Amino acid sequence: QESEALFRQMFENNRSVKLVVDPASGAIVRANQAASDFYGY
């Protein structure tokens, strides 16, 4: 069920993938669960 909910969240809300980036280096320092599961962060 948690995977179904994740798919629904990702497809229904195109802003559900959220990243936090270090402005100096451009490195991704934090990602929400949708981004982790979808992109492999």
ModelCIF file with pLDDT and N, C-alpha, C, O atoms, coordinates in Angstrom:
data_MODEL
#
_entry.id   MODEL 
#
_entity.id                         1 
_entity.type                       polymer 
_entity.pdbx_number_of_molecules   1 
#
_entity_poly.entity_id                      1 
_entity_poly.type                           'polypeptide(L)' 
_entity_poly.nstd_linkage                   no 
_entity_poly.nstd_monomer                   no 
_entity_poly.pdbx_seq_one_letter_code       QESEALFRQMFENNRSVKLVVDPASGAIVRANQAASDFYGY 
_entity_poly.pdbx_seq_one_letter_code_can   QESEALFRQMFENNRSVKLVVDPASGAIVRANQAASDFYGY 
_entity_poly.pdbx_strand_id                 A 
#
loop_
_entity_poly_seq.entity_id 
_entity_poly_seq.num 
_entity_poly_seq.mon_id 
_entity_poly_seq.hetero 
1 1  GLN n 
1 2  GLU n 
1 3  SER n 
1 4  GLU n 
1 5  ALA n 
1 6  LEU n 
1 7  PHE n 
1 8  ARG n 
1 9  GLN n 
1 10 MET n 
1 11 PHE n 
1 12 GLU n 
1 13 ASN n 
1 14 ASN n 
1 15 ARG n 
1 16 SER n 
1 17 VAL n 
1 18 LYS n 
1 19 LEU n 
1 20 VAL n 
1 21 VAL n 
1 22 ASP n 
1 23 PRO n 
1 24 ALA n 
1 25 SER n 
1 26 GLY n 
1 27 ALA n 
1 28 ILE n 
1 29 VAL n 
1 30 ARG n 
1 31 ALA n 
1 32 ASN n 
1 33 GLN n 
1 34 ALA n 
1 35 ALA n 
1 36 SER n 
1 37 ASP n 
1 38 PHE n 
1 39 TYR n 
1 40 GLY n 
1 41 TYR n 
#
_struct_asym.id          A 
_struct_asym.entity_id   1 
#
loop_
_ma_qa_metric.id 
_ma_qa_metric.mode 
_ma_qa_metric.name 
_ma_qa_metric.software_group_id 
_ma_qa_metric.type 
1 global pLDDT . pLDDT 
2 local  pLDDT . pLDDT 
#
_ma_qa_metric_global.metric_id      1 
_ma_qa_metric_global.metric_value   57.00 
_ma_qa_metric_global.model_id       1 
_ma_qa_metric_global.ordinal_id     1 
#
loop_
_ma_qa_metric_local.label_asym_id 
_ma_qa_metric_local.label_comp_id 
_ma_qa_metric_local.label_seq_id 
_ma_qa_metric_local.metric_id 
_ma_qa_metric_local.metric_value 
_ma_qa_metric_local.model_id 
_ma_qa_metric_local.ordinal_id 
A GLN 1  2 58.00 1 1  
A GLU 2  2 56.00 1 2  
A SER 3  2 55.00 1 3  
A GLU 4  2 55.00 1 4  
A ALA 5  2 61.00 1 5  
A LEU 6  2 58.00 1 6  
A PHE 7  2 54.00 1 7  
A ARG 8  2 58.00 1 8  
A GLN 9  2 59.00 1 9  
A MET 10 2 55.00 1 10 
A PHE 11 2 52.00 1 11 
A GLU 12 2 55.00 1 12 
A ASN 13 2 53.00 1 13 
A ASN 14 2 48.00 1 14 
A ARG 15 2 46.00 1 15 
A SER 16 2 52.00 1 16 
A VAL 17 2 54.00 1 17 
A LYS 18 2 59.00 1 18 
A LEU 19 2 60.00 1 19 
A VAL 20 2 62.00 1 20 
A VAL 21 2 63.00 1 21 
A ASP 22 2 65.00 1 22 
A PRO 23 2 63.00 1 23 
A ALA 24 2 64.00 1 24 
A SER 25 2 65.00 1 25 
A GLY 26 2 62.00 1 26 
A ALA 27 2 63.00 1 27 
A ILE 28 2 59.00 1 28 
A VAL 29 2 60.00 1 29 
A ARG 30 2 62.00 1 30 
A ALA 31 2 60.00 1 31 
A ASN 32 2 61.00 1 32 
A GLN 33 2 56.00 1 33 
A ALA 34 2 53.00 1 34 
A ALA 35 2 57.00 1 35 
A SER 36 2 57.00 1 36 
A ASP 37 2 53.00 1 37 
A PHE 38 2 49.00 1 38 
A TYR 39 2 53.00 1 39 
A GLY 40 2 53.00 1 40 
A TYR 41 2 49.00 1 41 
#
loop_
_atom_site.group_PDB 
_atom_site.id 
_atom_site.type_symbol 
_atom_site.label_atom_id 
_atom_site.label_alt_id 
_atom_site.label_comp_id 
_atom_site.label_asym_id 
_atom_site.label_entity_id 
_atom_site.label_seq_id 
_atom_site.pdbx_PDB_ins_code 
_atom_site.Cartn_x 
_atom_site.Cartn_y 
_atom_site.Cartn_z 
_atom_site.occupancy 
_atom_site.B_iso_or_equiv 
_atom_site.pdbx_formal_charge 
_atom_site.auth_seq_id 
_atom_site.auth_comp_id 
_atom_site.auth_asym_id 
_atom_site.auth_atom_id 
_atom_site.pdbx_PDB_model_num 
ATOM 1   N N  . GLN A 1 1  ? 0.820  -1.211 0.000   1.00 58.00 ? 1  GLN A N  1 
ATOM 2   C CA . GLN A 1 1  ? 0.000  0.000  0.000   1.00 58.00 ? 1  GLN A CA 1 
ATOM 3   C C  . GLN A 1 1  ? 0.853  1.260  0.000   1.00 58.00 ? 1  GLN A C  1 
ATOM 4   O O  . GLN A 1 1  ? 0.497  2.255  -0.631  1.00 58.00 ? 1  GLN A O  1 
ATOM 5   N N  . GLU A 1 2  ? 1.993  1.217  0.717   1.00 56.00 ? 2  GLU A N  1 
ATOM 6   C CA . GLU A 1 2  ? 2.813  2.418  0.757   1.00 56.00 ? 2  GLU A CA 1 
ATOM 7   C C  . GLU A 1 2  ? 3.404  2.730  -0.621  1.00 56.00 ? 2  GLU A C  1 
ATOM 8   O O  . GLU A 1 2  ? 3.614  3.897  -0.954  1.00 56.00 ? 2  GLU A O  1 
ATOM 9   N N  . SER A 1 3  ? 3.673  1.692  -1.426  1.00 55.00 ? 3  SER A N  1 
ATOM 10  C CA . SER A 1 3  ? 4.180  1.923  -2.777  1.00 55.00 ? 3  SER A CA 1 
ATOM 11  C C  . SER A 1 3  ? 3.089  2.490  -3.669  1.00 55.00 ? 3  SER A C  1 
ATOM 12  O O  . SER A 1 3  ? 3.345  3.384  -4.476  1.00 55.00 ? 3  SER A O  1 
ATOM 13  N N  . GLU A 1 4  ? 1.863  1.969  -3.527  1.00 55.00 ? 4  GLU A N  1 
ATOM 14  C CA . GLU A 1 4  ? 0.744  2.519  -4.295  1.00 55.00 ? 4  GLU A CA 1 
ATOM 15  C C  . GLU A 1 4  ? 0.572  3.997  -3.988  1.00 55.00 ? 4  GLU A C  1 
ATOM 16  O O  . GLU A 1 4  ? 0.370  4.813  -4.888  1.00 55.00 ? 4  GLU A O  1 
ATOM 17  N N  . ALA A 1 5  ? 0.654  4.333  -2.697  1.00 61.00 ? 5  ALA A N  1 
ATOM 18  C CA . ALA A 1 5  ? 0.492  5.739  -2.308  1.00 61.00 ? 5  ALA A CA 1 
ATOM 19  C C  . ALA A 1 5  ? 1.596  6.602  -2.902  1.00 61.00 ? 5  ALA A C  1 
ATOM 20  O O  . ALA A 1 5  ? 1.357  7.742  -3.300  1.00 61.00 ? 5  ALA A O  1 
ATOM 21  N N  . LEU A 1 6  ? 2.810  6.049  -2.960  1.00 58.00 ? 6  LEU A N  1 
ATOM 22  C CA . LEU A 1 6  ? 3.923  6.805  -3.529  1.00 58.00 ? 6  LEU A CA 1 
ATOM 23  C C  . LEU A 1 6  ? 3.700  7.059  -5.017  1.00 58.00 ? 6  LEU A C  1 
ATOM 24  O O  . LEU A 1 6  ? 3.899  8.176  -5.495  1.00 58.00 ? 6  LEU A O  1 
ATOM 25  N N  . PHE A 1 7  ? 3.282  6.015  -5.756  1.00 54.00 ? 7  PHE A N  1 
ATOM 26  C CA . PHE A 1 7  ? 2.999  6.200  -7.176  1.00 54.00 ? 7  PHE A CA 1 
ATOM 27  C C  . PHE A 1 7  ? 1.931  7.267  -7.377  1.00 54.00 ? 7  PHE A C  1 
ATOM 28  O O  . PHE A 1 7  ? 2.061  8.140  -8.235  1.00 54.00 ? 7  PHE A O  1 
ATOM 29  N N  . ARG A 1 8  ? 0.868  7.185  -6.569  1.00 58.00 ? 8  ARG A N  1 
ATOM 30  C CA . ARG A 1 8  ? -0.207 8.162  -6.719  1.00 58.00 ? 8  ARG A CA 1 
ATOM 31  C C  . ARG A 1 8  ? 0.311  9.565  -6.450  1.00 58.00 ? 8  ARG A C  1 
ATOM 32  O O  . ARG A 1 8  ? 0.003  10.497 -7.193  1.00 58.00 ? 8  ARG A O  1 
ATOM 33  N N  . GLN A 1 9  ? 1.087  9.719  -5.401  1.00 59.00 ? 9  GLN A N  1 
ATOM 34  C CA . GLN A 1 9  ? 1.623  11.045 -5.078  1.00 59.00 ? 9  GLN A CA 1 
ATOM 35  C C  . GLN A 1 9  ? 2.493  11.569 -6.207  1.00 59.00 ? 9  GLN A C  1 
ATOM 36  O O  . GLN A 1 9  ? 2.386  12.737 -6.580  1.00 59.00 ? 9  GLN A O  1 
ATOM 37  N N  . MET A 1 10 ? 3.355  10.719 -6.756  1.00 55.00 ? 10 MET A N  1 
ATOM 38  C CA . MET A 1 10 ? 4.283  11.154 -7.792  1.00 55.00 ? 10 MET A CA 1 
ATOM 39  C C  . MET A 1 10 ? 3.570  11.528 -9.072  1.00 55.00 ? 10 MET A C  1 
ATOM 40  O O  . MET A 1 10 ? 3.934  12.512 -9.715  1.00 55.00 ? 10 MET A O  1 
ATOM 41  N N  . PHE A 1 11 ? 2.549  10.753 -9.459  1.00 52.00 ? 11 PHE A N  1 
ATOM 42  C CA . PHE A 1 11 ? 1.872  11.013 -10.715 1.00 52.00 ? 11 PHE A CA 1 
ATOM 43  C C  . PHE A 1 11 ? 0.844  12.128 -10.605 1.00 52.00 ? 11 PHE A C  1 
ATOM 44  O O  . PHE A 1 11 ? 0.628  12.861 -11.570 1.00 52.00 ? 11 PHE A O  1 
ATOM 45  N N  . GLU A 1 12 ? 0.214  12.268 -9.458  1.00 55.00 ? 12 GLU A N  1 
ATOM 46  C CA . GLU A 1 12 ? -0.823 13.286 -9.331  1.00 55.00 ? 12 GLU A CA 1 
ATOM 47  C C  . GLU A 1 12 ? -0.239 14.661 -9.055  1.00 55.00 ? 12 GLU A C  1 
ATOM 48  O O  . GLU A 1 12 ? -0.854 15.674 -9.389  1.00 55.00 ? 12 GLU A O  1 
ATOM 49  N N  . ASN A 1 13 ? 0.932  14.708 -8.455  1.00 53.00 ? 13 ASN A N  1 
ATOM 50  C CA . ASN A 1 13 ? 1.524  15.996 -8.093  1.00 53.00 ? 13 ASN A CA 1 
ATOM 51  C C  . ASN A 1 13 ? 2.931  16.069 -8.647  1.00 53.00 ? 13 ASN A C  1 
ATOM 52  O O  . ASN A 1 13 ? 3.858  15.479 -8.090  1.00 53.00 ? 13 ASN A O  1 
ATOM 53  N N  . ASN A 1 14 ? 3.095  16.808 -9.768  1.00 48.00 ? 14 ASN A N  1 
ATOM 54  C CA . ASN A 1 14 ? 4.402  16.832 -10.411 1.00 48.00 ? 14 ASN A CA 1 
ATOM 55  C C  . ASN A 1 14 ? 5.434  17.635 -9.626  1.00 48.00 ? 14 ASN A C  1 
ATOM 56  O O  . ASN A 1 14 ? 6.577  17.772 -10.061 1.00 48.00 ? 14 ASN A O  1 
ATOM 57  N N  . ARG A 1 15 ? 5.034  18.167 -8.469  1.00 46.00 ? 15 ARG A N  1 
ATOM 58  C CA . ARG A 1 15 ? 5.997  18.847 -7.611  1.00 46.00 ? 15 ARG A CA 1 
ATOM 59  C C  . ARG A 1 15 ? 6.353  17.998 -6.396  1.00 46.00 ? 15 ARG A C  1 
ATOM 60  O O  . ARG A 1 15 ? 6.977  18.496 -5.459  1.00 46.00 ? 15 ARG A O  1 
ATOM 61  N N  . SER A 1 16 ? 5.964  16.723 -6.399  1.00 52.00 ? 16 SER A N  1 
ATOM 62  C CA . SER A 1 16 ? 6.197  15.903 -5.221  1.00 52.00 ? 16 SER A CA 1 
ATOM 63  C C  . SER A 1 16 ? 7.655  15.514 -5.064  1.00 52.00 ? 16 SER A C  1 
ATOM 64  O O  . SER A 1 16 ? 8.088  15.186 -3.959  1.00 52.00 ? 16 SER A O  1 
ATOM 65  N N  . VAL A 1 17 ? 8.431  15.545 -6.161  1.00 54.00 ? 17 VAL A N  1 
ATOM 66  C CA . VAL A 1 17 ? 9.859  15.269 -6.066  1.00 54.00 ? 17 VAL A CA 1 
ATOM 67  C C  . VAL A 1 17 ? 10.549 16.536 -5.587  1.00 54.00 ? 17 VAL A C  1 
ATOM 68  O O  . VAL A 1 17 ? 10.541 17.552 -6.282  1.00 54.00 ? 17 VAL A O  1 
ATOM 69  N N  . LYS A 1 18 ? 11.148 16.482 -4.401  1.00 59.00 ? 18 LYS A N  1 
ATOM 70  C CA . LYS A 1 18 ? 11.734 17.673 -3.802  1.00 59.00 ? 18 LYS A CA 1 
ATOM 71  C C  . LYS A 1 18 ? 13.202 17.421 -3.468  1.00 59.00 ? 18 LYS A C  1 
ATOM 72  O O  . LYS A 1 18 ? 13.559 16.384 -2.909  1.00 59.00 ? 18 LYS A O  1 
ATOM 73  N N  . LEU A 1 19 ? 14.034 18.380 -3.820  1.00 60.00 ? 19 LEU A N  1 
ATOM 74  C CA . LEU A 1 19 ? 15.464 18.294 -3.575  1.00 60.00 ? 19 LEU A CA 1 
ATOM 75  C C  . LEU A 1 19 ? 15.931 19.549 -2.857  1.00 60.00 ? 19 LEU A C  1 
ATOM 76  O O  . LEU A 1 19 ? 15.353 20.623 -3.022  1.00 60.00 ? 19 LEU A O  1 
ATOM 77  N N  . VAL A 1 20 ? 16.982 19.405 -2.058  1.00 62.00 ? 20 VAL A N  1 
ATOM 78  C CA . VAL A 1 20 ? 17.662 20.545 -1.458  1.00 62.00 ? 20 VAL A CA 1 
ATOM 79  C C  . VAL A 1 20 ? 19.094 20.509 -1.957  1.00 62.00 ? 20 VAL A C  1 
ATOM 80  O O  . VAL A 1 20 ? 19.787 19.501 -1.815  1.00 62.00 ? 20 VAL A O  1 
ATOM 81  N N  . VAL A 1 21 ? 19.539 21.626 -2.550  1.00 63.00 ? 21 VAL A N  1 
ATOM 82  C CA . VAL A 1 21 ? 20.836 21.678 -3.213  1.00 63.00 ? 21 VAL A CA 1 
ATOM 83  C C  . VAL A 1 21 ? 21.736 22.691 -2.516  1.00 63.00 ? 21 VAL A C  1 
ATOM 84  O O  . VAL A 1 21 ? 21.297 23.781 -2.152  1.00 63.00 ? 21 VAL A O  1 
ATOM 85  N N  . ASP A 1 22 ? 22.998 22.317 -2.335  1.00 65.00 ? 22 ASP A N  1 
ATOM 86  C CA . ASP A 1 22 ? 23.996 23.235 -1.794  1.00 65.00 ? 22 ASP A CA 1 
ATOM 87  C C  . ASP A 1 22 ? 24.303 24.285 -2.859  1.00 65.00 ? 22 ASP A C  1 
ATOM 88  O O  . ASP A 1 22 ? 24.829 23.936 -3.916  1.00 65.00 ? 22 ASP A O  1 
ATOM 89  N N  . PRO A 1 23 ? 23.990 25.564 -2.616  1.00 63.00 ? 23 PRO A N  1 
ATOM 90  C CA . PRO A 1 23 ? 24.185 26.602 -3.649  1.00 63.00 ? 23 PRO A CA 1 
ATOM 91  C C  . PRO A 1 23 ? 25.633 26.732 -4.096  1.00 63.00 ? 23 PRO A C  1 
ATOM 92  O O  . PRO A 1 23 ? 25.886 27.088 -5.247  1.00 63.00 ? 23 PRO A O  1 
ATOM 93  N N  . ALA A 1 24 ? 26.581 26.456 -3.221  1.00 64.00 ? 24 ALA A N  1 
ATOM 94  C CA . ALA A 1 24 ? 27.990 26.636 -3.559  1.00 64.00 ? 24 ALA A CA 1 
ATOM 95  C C  . ALA A 1 24 ? 28.497 25.558 -4.510  1.00 64.00 ? 24 ALA A C  1 
ATOM 96  O O  . ALA A 1 24 ? 29.165 25.861 -5.499  1.00 64.00 ? 24 ALA A O  1 
ATOM 97  N N  . SER A 1 25 ? 28.178 24.298 -4.211  1.00 65.00 ? 25 SER A N  1 
ATOM 98  C CA . SER A 1 25 ? 28.731 23.190 -4.994  1.00 65.00 ? 25 SER A CA 1 
ATOM 99  C C  . SER A 1 25 ? 27.770 22.606 -6.014  1.00 65.00 ? 25 SER A C  1 
ATOM 100 O O  . SER A 1 25 ? 28.187 21.929 -6.953  1.00 65.00 ? 25 SER A O  1 
ATOM 101 N N  . GLY A 1 26 ? 26.481 22.869 -5.827  1.00 62.00 ? 26 GLY A N  1 
ATOM 102 C CA . GLY A 1 26 ? 25.479 22.242 -6.684  1.00 62.00 ? 26 GLY A CA 1 
ATOM 103 C C  . GLY A 1 26 ? 25.158 20.826 -6.282  1.00 62.00 ? 26 GLY A C  1 
ATOM 104 O O  . GLY A 1 26 ? 24.355 20.161 -6.937  1.00 62.00 ? 26 GLY A O  1 
ATOM 105 N N  . ALA A 1 27 ? 25.782 20.346 -5.199  1.00 63.00 ? 27 ALA A N  1 
ATOM 106 C CA . ALA A 1 27 ? 25.542 18.969 -4.760  1.00 63.00 ? 27 ALA A CA 1 
ATOM 107 C C  . ALA A 1 27 ? 24.167 18.847 -4.116  1.00 63.00 ? 27 ALA A C  1 
ATOM 108 O O  . ALA A 1 27 ? 23.724 19.749 -3.405  1.00 63.00 ? 27 ALA A O  1 
ATOM 109 N N  . ILE A 1 28 ? 23.501 17.734 -4.368  1.00 59.00 ? 28 ILE A N  1 
ATOM 110 C CA . ILE A 1 28 ? 22.203 17.469 -3.758  1.00 59.00 ? 28 ILE A CA 1 
ATOM 111 C C  . ILE A 1 28 ? 22.443 16.932 -2.354  1.00 59.00 ? 28 ILE A C  1 
ATOM 112 O O  . ILE A 1 28 ? 23.052 15.876 -2.185  1.00 59.00 ? 28 ILE A O  1 
ATOM 113 N N  . VAL A 1 29 ? 21.967 17.654 -1.355  1.00 60.00 ? 29 VAL A N  1 
ATOM 114 C CA . VAL A 1 29 ? 22.257 17.296 0.030   1.00 60.00 ? 29 VAL A CA 1 
ATOM 115 C C  . VAL A 1 29 ? 21.083 16.629 0.717   1.00 60.00 ? 29 VAL A C  1 
ATOM 116 O O  . VAL A 1 29 ? 21.259 15.967 1.740   1.00 60.00 ? 29 VAL A O  1 
ATOM 117 N N  . ARG A 1 30 ? 19.885 16.795 0.170   1.00 62.00 ? 30 ARG A N  1 
ATOM 118 C CA . ARG A 1 30 ? 18.732 16.144 0.784   1.00 62.00 ? 30 ARG A CA 1 
ATOM 119 C C  . ARG A 1 30 ? 17.657 15.932 -0.256  1.00 62.00 ? 30 ARG A C  1 
ATOM 120 O O  . ARG A 1 30 ? 17.457 16.777 -1.128  1.00 62.00 ? 30 ARG A O  1 
ATOM 121 N N  . ALA A 1 31 ? 16.965 14.816 -0.171  1.00 60.00 ? 31 ALA A N  1 
ATOM 122 C CA . ALA A 1 31 ? 15.881 14.512 -1.104  1.00 60.00 ? 31 ALA A CA 1 
ATOM 123 C C  . ALA A 1 31 ? 14.743 13.873 -0.330  1.00 60.00 ? 31 ALA A C  1 
ATOM 124 O O  . ALA A 1 31 ? 14.966 13.115 0.614   1.00 60.00 ? 31 ALA A O  1 
ATOM 125 N N  . ASN A 1 32 ? 13.513 14.188 -0.739  1.00 61.00 ? 32 ASN A N  1 
ATOM 126 C CA . ASN A 1 32 ? 12.391 13.546 -0.066  1.00 61.00 ? 32 ASN A CA 1 
ATOM 127 C C  . ASN A 1 32 ? 12.240 12.113 -0.565  1.00 61.00 ? 32 ASN A C  1 
ATOM 128 O O  . ASN A 1 32 ? 12.965 11.695 -1.468  1.00 61.00 ? 32 ASN A O  1 
ATOM 129 N N  . GLN A 1 33 ? 11.310 11.357 0.009   1.00 56.00 ? 33 GLN A N  1 
ATOM 130 C CA . GLN A 1 33 ? 11.194 9.937  -0.300  1.00 56.00 ? 33 GLN A CA 1 
ATOM 131 C C  . GLN A 1 33 ? 10.837 9.690  -1.759  1.00 56.00 ? 33 GLN A C  1 
ATOM 132 O O  . GLN A 1 33 ? 11.310 8.726  -2.361  1.00 56.00 ? 33 GLN A O  1 
ATOM 133 N N  . ALA A 1 34 ? 10.005 10.558 -2.331  1.00 53.00 ? 34 ALA A N  1 
ATOM 134 C CA . ALA A 1 34 ? 9.633  10.386 -3.738  1.00 53.00 ? 34 ALA A CA 1 
ATOM 135 C C  . ALA A 1 34 ? 10.862 10.481 -4.625  1.00 53.00 ? 34 ALA A C  1 
ATOM 136 O O  . ALA A 1 34 ? 11.032 9.678  -5.542  1.00 53.00 ? 34 ALA A O  1 
ATOM 137 N N  . ALA A 1 35 ? 11.720 11.456 -4.358  1.00 57.00 ? 35 ALA A N  1 
ATOM 138 C CA . ALA A 1 35 ? 12.937 11.603 -5.160  1.00 57.00 ? 35 ALA A CA 1 
ATOM 139 C C  . ALA A 1 35 ? 13.880 10.439 -4.925  1.00 57.00 ? 35 ALA A C  1 
ATOM 140 O O  . ALA A 1 35 ? 14.502 9.949  -5.867  1.00 57.00 ? 35 ALA A O  1 
ATOM 141 N N  . SER A 1 36 ? 13.997 9.987  -3.677  1.00 57.00 ? 36 SER A N  1 
ATOM 142 C CA . SER A 1 36 ? 14.883 8.867  -3.373  1.00 57.00 ? 36 SER A CA 1 
ATOM 143 C C  . SER A 1 36 ? 14.460 7.612  -4.120  1.00 57.00 ? 36 SER A C  1 
ATOM 144 O O  . SER A 1 36 ? 15.295 6.914  -4.695  1.00 57.00 ? 36 SER A O  1 
ATOM 145 N N  . ASP A 1 37 ? 13.167 7.327  -4.111  1.00 53.00 ? 37 ASP A N  1 
ATOM 146 C CA . ASP A 1 37 ? 12.667 6.117  -4.756  1.00 53.00 ? 37 ASP A CA 1 
ATOM 147 C C  . ASP A 1 37 ? 12.697 6.230  -6.272  1.00 53.00 ? 37 ASP A C  1 
ATOM 148 O O  . ASP A 1 37 ? 12.988 5.254  -6.963  1.00 53.00 ? 37 ASP A O  1 
ATOM 149 N N  . PHE A 1 38 ? 12.395 7.418  -6.792  1.00 49.00 ? 38 PHE A N  1 
ATOM 150 C CA . PHE A 1 38 ? 12.275 7.572  -8.243  1.00 49.00 ? 38 PHE A CA 1 
ATOM 151 C C  . PHE A 1 38 ? 13.637 7.714  -8.913  1.00 49.00 ? 38 PHE A C  1 
ATOM 152 O O  . PHE A 1 38 ? 13.871 7.124  -9.968  1.00 49.00 ? 38 PHE A O  1 
ATOM 153 N N  . TYR A 1 39 ? 14.541 8.494  -8.309  1.00 53.00 ? 39 TYR A N  1 
ATOM 154 C CA . TYR A 1 39 ? 15.821 8.773  -8.944  1.00 53.00 ? 39 TYR A CA 1 
ATOM 155 C C  . TYR A 1 39 ? 16.990 8.005  -8.330  1.00 53.00 ? 39 TYR A C  1 
ATOM 156 O O  . TYR A 1 39 ? 18.082 7.969  -8.897  1.00 53.00 ? 39 TYR A O  1 
ATOM 157 N N  . GLY A 1 40 ? 16.756 7.394  -7.172  1.00 53.00 ? 40 GLY A N  1 
ATOM 158 C CA . GLY A 1 40 ? 17.827 6.628  -6.562  1.00 53.00 ? 40 GLY A CA 1 
ATOM 159 C C  . GLY A 1 40 ? 18.750 7.434  -5.681  1.00 53.00 ? 40 GLY A C  1 
ATOM 160 O O  . GLY A 1 40 ? 19.874 7.008  -5.416  1.00 53.00 ? 40 GLY A O  1 
ATOM 161 N N  . TYR A 1 41 ? 18.297 8.610  -5.212  1.00 49.00 ? 41 TYR A N  1 
ATOM 162 C CA . TYR A 1 41 ? 19.127 9.391  -4.296  1.00 49.00 ? 41 TYR A CA 1 
ATOM 163 C C  . TYR A 1 41 ? 19.250 8.641  -2.991  1.00 49.00 ? 41 TYR A C  1 
ATOM 164 O O  . TYR A 1 41 ? 19.910 9.116  -2.066  1.00 49.00 ? 41 TYR A O  1 
#
